[in-house]
Amino acid sequence: MLKKKRHELILDLLKRNGTVSVTDIVDKLNVSDMTVRRDLTELEESGSLRRVHGGAISLGEYPKEELSHDAKKVINISEKNRIAEKAIELINDGDIIYMGPGTTMEIMAQKMERQDYEVYTNCLPVFNTLADKDINVYLLGGKIKKNTQAFNGYITLAVLENLKFHKAFFSANGVTNNSIMTATLEEGKTQELALNNSTEKYLLLDASKVGKEDFFTYYSLNDVTAVVINNDEDHRYERIINHSNILLVSD
């Protein structure tokens, strides 16, 4: 396949999905991993996309469809690991914690070992991971969103309304200026209520999300206790430093 055609197909995938992994491109175009990485580098140099660990993201507006749970798992893994490790340092004995959905939250759950706190979550993978460790964990049920494995809706909100947390850990699909965004109204409302019912609120954010937009703005950076974020080569954390406290994760 000619390079020009490959570039067109890669950009088409980005236009439809907002992000794409190297593995997906290899499978769809039937080319080598090295060829895909070279194509992505050339497209980034031409200003057509932004490279991230494991793939690329669009420079345009938010995607028409949210990425699947499996697709998100391959993006910026090393950064998410460091962010998760930093977040765990913020947990104290006796804390009652809310953990929202997202692949960074799942990595955090995988790294959590202590058992002297309680965790409430509407994310099925987080629940399953913590349950296997005998950590005190409670699943906030409701209507599951298969794409993200998260529970939302009336039942979830009804339960959350009566709960209070010491700390909430959550992620986002995009952050622009002071706005924290996600893909759906239902998920945003769930996160908003959990955060309002938490004394401390920590946004776990890999830097590639800064400057990205999505459908629904559900919270303000001004109302977050701190943002746990990595320092990428573009220093994107500086774009939000005036809106919230920053806990910067080093390489």
C-alpha atoms as a PDB file:
ATOM      1  CA  MET A   1       0.000   0.000   0.000  1.00  0.00           C
ATOM      2  CA  LEU A   2       1.353   3.407  -0.969  1.00  0.00           C
ATOM      3  CA  LYS A   3       2.326   5.786   1.817  1.00  0.00           C
ATOM      4  CA  LYS A   4      -0.145   8.443   0.686  1.00  0.00           C
ATOM      5  CA  LYS A   5      -3.007   5.944   0.919  1.00  0.00           C
ATOM      6  CA  ARG A   6      -1.889   4.790   4.379  1.00  0.00           C
ATOM      7  CA  HIS A   7      -1.812   8.377   5.603  1.00  0.00           C
ATOM      8  CA  GLU A   8      -5.317   8.982   4.266  1.00  0.00           C
ATOM      9  CA  LEU A   9      -6.659   5.876   6.032  1.00  0.00           C
ATOM     10  CA  ILE A  10      -4.960   6.764   9.322  1.00  0.00           C
ATOM     11  CA  LEU A  11      -6.405  10.284   9.246  1.00  0.00           C
ATOM     12  CA  ASP A  12      -9.827   8.861   8.425  1.00  0.00           C
ATOM     13  CA  LEU A  13      -9.648   6.634  11.512  1.00  0.00           C
ATOM     14  CA  LEU A  14      -8.722   9.649  13.614  1.00  0.00           C
ATOM     15  CA  LYS A  15     -11.517  11.739  12.149  1.00  0.00           C
ATOM     16  CA  ARG A  16     -14.083   9.101  13.105  1.00  0.00           C
ATOM     17  CA  ASN A  17     -12.704   8.080  16.490  1.00  0.00           C
ATOM     18  CA  GLY A  18     -10.580  10.930  17.817  1.00  0.00           C
ATOM     19  CA  THR A  19      -7.709   8.571  18.642  1.00  0.00           C
ATOM     20  CA  VAL A  20      -6.141   5.407  17.282  1.00  0.00           C
ATOM     21  CA  SER A  21      -3.598   2.862  18.505  1.00  0.00           C
ATOM     22  CA  VAL A  22      -0.610   1.502  16.616  1.00  0.00           C
ATOM     23  CA  THR A  23      -2.032  -2.003  17.036  1.00  0.00           C
ATOM     24  CA  ASP A  24      -5.325  -1.026  15.398  1.00  0.00           C
ATOM     25  CA  ILE A  25      -3.553   0.527  12.415  1.00  0.00           C
ATOM     26  CA  VAL A  26      -1.314  -2.523  11.983  1.00  0.00           C
ATOM     27  CA  ASP A  27      -4.368  -4.788  11.960  1.00  0.00           C
ATOM     28  CA  LYS A  28      -6.459  -2.643   9.640  1.00  0.00           C
ATOM     29  CA  LEU A  29      -3.742  -1.782   7.105  1.00  0.00           C
ATOM     30  CA  ASN A  30      -1.800  -5.057   7.324  1.00  0.00           C
ATOM     31  CA  VAL A  31       1.552  -3.311   7.605  1.00  0.00           C
ATOM     32  CA  SER A  32       4.416  -3.548  10.074  1.00  0.00           C
ATOM     33  CA  ASP A  33       4.602  -1.840  13.451  1.00  0.00           C
ATOM     34  CA  MET A  34       7.683   0.077  12.286  1.00  0.00           C
ATOM     35  CA  THR A  35       5.862   1.377   9.197  1.00  0.00           C
ATOM     36  CA  VAL A  36       2.949   2.629  11.289  1.00  0.00           C
ATOM     37  CA  ARG A  37       5.204   4.435  13.752  1.00  0.00           C
ATOM     38  CA  ARG A  38       7.072   6.096  10.899  1.00  0.00           C
ATOM     39  CA  ASP A  39       3.768   7.162   9.314  1.00  0.00           C
ATOM     40  CA  LEU A  40       2.547   8.642  12.596  1.00  0.00           C
ATOM     41  CA  THR A  41       5.783  10.579  13.042  1.00  0.00           C
ATOM     42  CA  GLU A  42       5.499  12.030   9.537  1.00  0.00           C
ATOM     43  CA  LEU A  43       1.856  12.960  10.072  1.00  0.00           C
ATOM     44  CA  GLU A  44       2.699  14.670  13.354  1.00  0.00           C
ATOM     45  CA  GLU A  45       5.509  16.622  11.696  1.00  0.00           C
ATOM     46  CA  SER A  46       3.036  17.794   9.047  1.00  0.00           C
ATOM     47  CA  GLY A  47       0.654  19.004  11.777  1.00  0.00           C
ATOM     48  CA  SER A  48      -2.023  16.399  11.034  1.00  0.00           C
ATOM     49  CA  LEU A  49      -2.149  14.654  14.424  1.00  0.00           C
ATOM     50  CA  ARG A  50      -0.517  14.412  17.841  1.00  0.00           C
ATOM     51  CA  ARG A  51       1.556  11.373  18.797  1.00  0.00           C
ATOM     52  CA  VAL A  52       0.897   9.754  22.174  1.00  0.00           C
ATOM     53  CA  HIS A  53       2.356   6.613  23.704  1.00  0.00           C
ATOM     54  CA  GLY A  54       0.882   3.668  21.797  1.00  0.00           C
ATOM     55  CA  GLY A  55      -0.828   5.647  19.055  1.00  0.00           C
ATOM     56  CA  ALA A  56      -2.082   9.097  18.119  1.00  0.00           C
ATOM     57  CA  ILE A  57      -4.905  11.527  18.859  1.00  0.00           C
ATOM     58  CA  SER A  58      -6.731  13.962  16.637  1.00  0.00           C
ATOM     59  CA  LEU A  59      -6.057  17.686  16.748  1.00  0.00           C
ATOM     60  CA  GLY A  60      -9.689  18.376  15.967  1.00  0.00           C
ATOM     61  CA  GLU A  61     -12.823  18.496  18.078  1.00  0.00           C
ATOM     62  CA  TYR A  62     -14.123  15.726  20.278  1.00  0.00           C
ATOM     63  CA  PRO A  63     -14.850  12.356  18.616  1.00  0.00           C
ATOM     64  CA  LYS A  64     -18.339  11.418  17.475  1.00  0.00           C
ATOM     65  CA  GLU A  65     -18.109   8.178  19.453  1.00  0.00           C
ATOM     66  CA  GLU A  66     -16.244   7.562  22.679  1.00  0.00           C
ATOM     67  CA  LEU A  67     -13.376   5.102  22.452  1.00  0.00           C
ATOM     68  CA  SER A  68     -14.043   1.597  23.686  1.00  0.00           C
ATOM     69  CA  HIS A  69     -12.664   0.424  27.000  1.00  0.00           C
ATOM     70  CA  ASP A  70     -10.106  -1.810  25.254  1.00  0.00           C
ATOM     71  CA  ALA A  71      -8.960   0.996  22.950  1.00  0.00           C
ATOM     72  CA  LYS A  72      -8.282   3.356  25.855  1.00  0.00           C
ATOM     73  CA  LYS A  73      -6.204   0.741  27.675  1.00  0.00           C
ATOM     74  CA  VAL A  74      -3.331   0.951  25.179  1.00  0.00           C
ATOM     75  CA  ILE A  75      -2.877   4.730  25.251  1.00  0.00           C
ATOM     76  CA  ASN A  76      -0.221   6.424  27.442  1.00  0.00           C
ATOM     77  CA  ILE A  77       0.241   3.396  29.693  1.00  0.00           C
ATOM     78  CA  SER A  78       3.519   4.465  31.316  1.00  0.00           C
ATOM     79  CA  GLU A  79       2.157   7.928  32.103  1.00  0.00           C
ATOM     80  CA  LYS A  80      -1.008   6.477  33.610  1.00  0.00           C
ATOM     81  CA  ASN A  81       1.042   4.138  35.788  1.00  0.00           C
ATOM     82  CA  ARG A  82       3.021   7.018  37.279  1.00  0.00           C
ATOM     83  CA  ILE A  83      -0.128   9.068  37.832  1.00  0.00           C
ATOM     84  CA  ALA A  84      -1.820   6.131  39.571  1.00  0.00           C
ATOM     85  CA  GLU A  85       1.165   5.587  41.866  1.00  0.00           C
ATOM     86  CA  LYS A  86       1.119   9.253  42.885  1.00  0.00           C
ATOM     87  CA  ALA A  87      -2.615   9.114  43.594  1.00  0.00           C
ATOM     88  CA  ILE A  88      -2.227   6.132  45.905  1.00  0.00           C
ATOM     89  CA  GLU A  89       0.171   8.173  48.053  1.00  0.00           C
ATOM     90  CA  LEU A  90      -2.760  10.492  48.838  1.00  0.00           C
ATOM     91  CA  ILE A  91      -4.803   7.764  50.568  1.00  0.00           C
ATOM     92  CA  ASN A  92      -4.787   7.667  54.375  1.00  0.00           C
ATOM     93  CA  ASP A  93      -5.859   5.048  56.890  1.00  0.00           C
ATOM     94  CA  GLY A  94      -9.611   5.001  57.397  1.00  0.00           C
ATOM     95  CA  ASP A  95     -10.445   6.912  54.216  1.00  0.00           C
ATOM     96  CA  ILE A  96     -13.762   6.356  52.485  1.00  0.00           C
ATOM     97  CA  ILE A  97     -12.989   6.728  48.797  1.00  0.00           C
ATOM     98  CA  TYR A  98     -14.889   7.161  45.553  1.00  0.00           C
ATOM     99  CA  MET A  99     -13.193   5.929  42.371  1.00  0.00           C
ATOM    100  CA  GLY A 100     -14.713   6.820  39.031  1.00  0.00           C
ATOM    101  CA  PRO A 101     -14.407   4.971  35.718  1.00  0.00           C
ATOM    102  CA  GLY A 102     -11.452   5.076  33.362  1.00  0.00           C
ATOM    103  CA  THR A 103      -8.311   3.163  32.494  1.00  0.00           C
ATOM    104  CA  THR A 104      -6.152   5.289  34.811  1.00  0.00           C
ATOM    105  CA  MET A 105      -8.505   4.381  37.648  1.00  0.00           C
ATOM    106  CA  GLU A 106      -8.170   0.700  36.738  1.00  0.00           C
ATOM    107  CA  ILE A 107      -4.383   0.939  36.869  1.00  0.00           C
ATOM    108  CA  MET A 108      -4.690   2.632  40.254  1.00  0.00           C
ATOM    109  CA  ALA A 109      -6.868  -0.252  41.473  1.00  0.00           C
ATOM    110  CA  GLN A 110      -4.282  -2.771  40.277  1.00  0.00           C
ATOM    111  CA  LYS A 111      -1.607  -1.048  42.359  1.00  0.00           C
ATOM    112  CA  MET A 112      -3.649  -0.648  45.556  1.00  0.00           C
ATOM    113  CA  GLU A 113      -2.606  -3.113  48.260  1.00  0.00           C
ATOM    114  CA  ARG A 114      -3.544  -1.754  51.661  1.00  0.00           C
ATOM    115  CA  GLN A 115      -6.842  -2.891  53.123  1.00  0.00           C
ATOM    116  CA  ASP A 116      -7.526  -0.238  55.787  1.00  0.00           C
ATOM    117  CA  TYR A 117      -9.905   1.885  53.714  1.00  0.00           C
ATOM    118  CA  GLU A 118     -13.227   1.555  51.886  1.00  0.00           C
ATOM    119  CA  VAL A 119     -13.750   2.088  48.176  1.00  0.00           C
ATOM    120  CA  TYR A 120     -16.999   2.873  46.363  1.00  0.00           C
ATOM    121  CA  THR A 121     -16.992   2.741  42.575  1.00  0.00           C
ATOM    122  CA  ASN A 122     -19.332   2.672  39.590  1.00  0.00           C
ATOM    123  CA  CYS A 123     -16.603   1.130  37.419  1.00  0.00           C
ATOM    124  CA  LEU A 124     -16.911  -2.637  36.980  1.00  0.00           C
ATOM    125  CA  PRO A 125     -13.202  -3.316  36.207  1.00  0.00           C
ATOM    126  CA  VAL A 126     -12.138  -1.316  39.284  1.00  0.00           C
ATOM    127  CA  PHE A 127     -14.588  -3.284  41.435  1.00  0.00           C
ATOM    128  CA  ASN A 128     -13.439  -6.656  40.096  1.00  0.00           C
ATOM    129  CA  THR A 129      -9.767  -5.814  40.621  1.00  0.00           C
ATOM    130  CA  LEU A 130     -10.222  -4.648  44.213  1.00  0.00           C
ATOM    131  CA  ALA A 131     -12.582  -7.495  45.114  1.00  0.00           C
ATOM    132  CA  ASP A 132      -9.890 -10.000  44.156  1.00  0.00           C
ATOM    133  CA  LYS A 133      -7.559  -8.315  46.671  1.00  0.00           C
ATOM    134  CA  ASP A 134     -10.035  -8.547  49.564  1.00  0.00           C
ATOM    135  CA  ILE A 135     -10.141  -4.758  49.815  1.00  0.00           C
ATOM    136  CA  ASN A 136     -13.426  -3.404  51.190  1.00  0.00           C
ATOM    137  CA  VAL A 137     -15.092  -2.348  47.940  1.00  0.00           C
ATOM    138  CA  TYR A 138     -18.708  -1.541  47.045  1.00  0.00           C
ATOM    139  CA  LEU A 139     -20.147  -1.441  43.534  1.00  0.00           C
ATOM    140  CA  LEU A 140     -22.562   1.386  42.738  1.00  0.00           C
ATOM    141  CA  GLY A 141     -24.963  -0.350  40.385  1.00  0.00           C
ATOM    142  CA  GLY A 142     -27.300   1.032  37.771  1.00  0.00           C
ATOM    143  CA  LYS A 143     -27.404   0.964  33.987  1.00  0.00           C
ATOM    144  CA  ILE A 144     -24.091  -0.220  32.583  1.00  0.00           C
ATOM    145  CA  LYS A 145     -22.463   1.530  29.659  1.00  0.00           C
ATOM    146  CA  LYS A 146     -20.854  -1.363  27.821  1.00  0.00           C
ATOM    147  CA  ASN A 147     -18.391   0.859  26.004  1.00  0.00           C
ATOM    148  CA  THR A 148     -16.733   2.000  29.235  1.00  0.00           C
ATOM    149  CA  GLN A 149     -17.916  -0.666  31.731  1.00  0.00           C
ATOM    150  CA  ALA A 150     -19.326   2.068  33.988  1.00  0.00           C
ATOM    151  CA  PHE A 151     -22.679   2.208  35.790  1.00  0.00           C
ATOM    152  CA  ASN A 152     -24.776   5.370  35.575  1.00  0.00           C
ATOM    153  CA  GLY A 153     -28.376   6.496  35.637  1.00  0.00           C
ATOM    154  CA  TYR A 154     -31.160   6.919  38.189  1.00  0.00           C
ATOM    155  CA  ILE A 155     -30.235   3.989  40.446  1.00  0.00           C
ATOM    156  CA  THR A 156     -26.585   5.044  40.629  1.00  0.00           C
ATOM    157  CA  LEU A 157     -27.542   8.620  41.482  1.00  0.00           C
ATOM    158  CA  ALA A 158     -30.066   7.500  44.104  1.00  0.00           C
ATOM    159  CA  VAL A 159     -27.381   5.543  45.954  1.00  0.00           C
ATOM    160  CA  LEU A 160     -24.703   8.225  45.585  1.00  0.00           C
ATOM    161  CA  GLU A 161     -26.987  10.919  46.945  1.00  0.00           C
ATOM    162  CA  ASN A 162     -26.767   9.438  50.440  1.00  0.00           C
ATOM    163  CA  LEU A 163     -23.025   8.758  50.506  1.00  0.00           C
ATOM    164  CA  LYS A 164     -20.193  10.990  51.710  1.00  0.00           C
ATOM    165  CA  PHE A 165     -16.518  10.443  50.856  1.00  0.00           C
ATOM    166  CA  HIS A 166     -13.232  11.667  52.267  1.00  0.00           C
ATOM    167  CA  LYS A 167     -11.598  11.577  48.839  1.00  0.00           C
ATOM    168  CA  ALA A 168     -12.694  11.146  45.233  1.00  0.00           C
ATOM    169  CA  PHE A 169     -10.378  10.035  42.443  1.00  0.00           C
ATOM    170  CA  PHE A 170     -11.623  10.516  38.906  1.00  0.00           C
ATOM    171  CA  SER A 171     -10.519  11.051  35.316  1.00  0.00           C
ATOM    172  CA  ALA A 172     -11.820  12.889  32.261  1.00  0.00           C
ATOM    173  CA  ASN A 173     -11.938  12.633  28.483  1.00  0.00           C
ATOM    174  CA  GLY A 174     -10.797  16.209  28.044  1.00  0.00           C
ATOM    175  CA  VAL A 175      -9.890  19.410  29.881  1.00  0.00           C
ATOM    176  CA  THR A 176     -10.017  22.817  28.223  1.00  0.00           C
ATOM    177  CA  ASN A 177      -9.441  26.033  30.183  1.00  0.00           C
ATOM    178  CA  ASN A 178     -11.473  25.503  33.362  1.00  0.00           C
ATOM    179  CA  SER A 179     -13.810  22.796  32.020  1.00  0.00           C
ATOM    180  CA  ILE A 180     -13.640  19.067  32.804  1.00  0.00           C
ATOM    181  CA  MET A 181     -15.474  17.020  30.174  1.00  0.00           C
ATOM    182  CA  THR A 182     -16.811  13.552  29.457  1.00  0.00           C
ATOM    183  CA  ALA A 183     -18.718  11.832  26.665  1.00  0.00           C
ATOM    184  CA  THR A 184     -22.269  11.603  28.049  1.00  0.00           C
ATOM    185  CA  LEU A 185     -24.678  13.527  30.240  1.00  0.00           C
ATOM    186  CA  GLU A 186     -25.379  10.444  32.380  1.00  0.00           C
ATOM    187  CA  GLU A 187     -21.738   9.814  33.181  1.00  0.00           C
ATOM    188  CA  GLY A 188     -21.136  13.488  33.864  1.00  0.00           C
ATOM    189  CA  LYS A 189     -24.030  13.710  36.312  1.00  0.00           C
ATOM    190  CA  THR A 190     -22.769  10.647  38.176  1.00  0.00           C
ATOM    191  CA  GLN A 191     -19.284  12.090  38.495  1.00  0.00           C
ATOM    192  CA  GLU A 192     -20.614  15.497  39.500  1.00  0.00           C
ATOM    193  CA  LEU A 193     -22.670  14.094  42.375  1.00  0.00           C
ATOM    194  CA  ALA A 194     -19.818  11.925  43.647  1.00  0.00           C
ATOM    195  CA  LEU A 195     -17.457  14.902  43.590  1.00  0.00           C
ATOM    196  CA  ASN A 196     -19.933  17.185  45.334  1.00  0.00           C
ATOM    197  CA  ASN A 197     -20.202  14.575  48.091  1.00  0.00           C
ATOM    198  CA  SER A 198     -16.411  14.352  48.549  1.00  0.00           C
ATOM    199  CA  THR A 199     -14.275  16.490  50.840  1.00  0.00           C
ATOM    200  CA  GLU A 200     -11.215  16.189  48.594  1.00  0.00           C
ATOM    201  CA  LYS A 201     -11.329  15.744  44.823  1.00  0.00           C
ATOM    202  CA  TYR A 202      -8.366  14.546  42.743  1.00  0.00           C
ATOM    203  CA  LEU A 203      -8.401  14.577  38.954  1.00  0.00           C
ATOM    204  CA  LEU A 204      -6.058  11.960  37.474  1.00  0.00           C
ATOM    205  CA  LEU A 205      -5.131  13.278  34.049  1.00  0.00           C
ATOM    206  CA  ASP A 206      -2.568  12.248  31.484  1.00  0.00           C
ATOM    207  CA  ALA A 207      -1.302  15.370  29.752  1.00  0.00           C
ATOM    208  CA  SER A 208      -2.632  14.387  26.320  1.00  0.00           C
ATOM    209  CA  LYS A 209      -6.151  15.211  27.585  1.00  0.00           C
ATOM    210  CA  VAL A 210      -5.300  18.904  28.083  1.00  0.00           C
ATOM    211  CA  GLY A 211      -6.774  20.951  25.256  1.00  0.00           C
ATOM    212  CA  LYS A 212      -9.165  18.173  24.235  1.00  0.00           C
ATOM    213  CA  GLU A 213     -12.931  18.639  24.302  1.00  0.00           C
ATOM    214  CA  ASP A 214     -15.864  16.286  24.726  1.00  0.00           C
ATOM    215  CA  PHE A 215     -19.642  16.491  24.786  1.00  0.00           C
ATOM    216  CA  PHE A 216     -20.518  17.346  28.392  1.00  0.00           C
ATOM    217  CA  THR A 217     -18.779  19.630  30.902  1.00  0.00           C
ATOM    218  CA  TYR A 218     -19.500  18.241  34.355  1.00  0.00           C
ATOM    219  CA  TYR A 219     -17.045  19.990  36.676  1.00  0.00           C
ATOM    220  CA  SER A 220     -14.725  22.957  37.061  1.00  0.00           C
ATOM    221  CA  LEU A 221     -10.993  22.791  37.695  1.00  0.00           C
ATOM    222  CA  ASN A 222     -11.455  25.573  40.253  1.00  0.00           C
ATOM    223  CA  ASP A 223     -13.431  23.164  42.434  1.00  0.00           C
ATOM    224  CA  VAL A 224     -10.873  20.339  42.338  1.00  0.00           C
ATOM    225  CA  THR A 225      -8.434  19.836  45.217  1.00  0.00           C
ATOM    226  CA  ALA A 226      -5.588  18.989  42.835  1.00  0.00           C
ATOM    227  CA  VAL A 227      -4.804  17.605  39.395  1.00  0.00           C
ATOM    228  CA  VAL A 228      -2.363  14.690  39.286  1.00  0.00           C
ATOM    229  CA  ILE A 229      -0.733  15.032  35.860  1.00  0.00           C
ATOM    230  CA  ASN A 230       2.447  14.026  34.042  1.00  0.00           C
ATOM    231  CA  ASN A 231       4.882  16.506  32.536  1.00  0.00           C
ATOM    232  CA  ASP A 232       5.032  15.867  28.782  1.00  0.00           C
ATOM    233  CA  GLU A 233       7.444  17.470  26.314  1.00  0.00           C
ATOM    234  CA  ASP A 234       4.929  20.245  25.568  1.00  0.00           C
ATOM    235  CA  HIS A 235       4.455  21.048  29.291  1.00  0.00           C
ATOM    236  CA  ARG A 236       0.683  20.993  28.798  1.00  0.00           C
ATOM    237  CA  TYR A 237       0.113  21.152  32.554  1.00  0.00           C
ATOM    238  CA  GLU A 238       1.051  24.843  32.324  1.00  0.00           C
ATOM    239  CA  ARG A 239      -2.220  25.499  30.457  1.00  0.00           C
ATOM    240  CA  ILE A 240      -4.257  24.617  33.557  1.00  0.00           C
ATOM    241  CA  ILE A 241      -1.894  25.691  36.330  1.00  0.00           C
ATOM    242  CA  ASN A 242      -3.892  28.884  36.978  1.00  0.00           C
ATOM    243  CA  HIS A 243      -7.114  26.930  37.524  1.00  0.00           C
ATOM    244  CA  SER A 244      -6.092  24.281  40.065  1.00  0.00           C
ATOM    245  CA  ASN A 245      -3.322  22.944  42.283  1.00  0.00           C
ATOM    246  CA  ILE A 246      -0.990  20.708  40.282  1.00  0.00           C
ATOM    247  CA  LEU A 247       0.660  17.519  41.554  1.00  0.00           C
ATOM    248  CA  LEU A 248       3.233  16.971  38.832  1.00  0.00           C
ATOM    249  CA  VAL A 249       4.424  13.435  38.143  1.00  0.00           C
ATOM    250  CA  SER A 250       8.028  13.211  36.962  1.00  0.00           C
ATOM    251  CA  ASP A 251       9.358  10.804  34.339  1.00  0.00           C
END
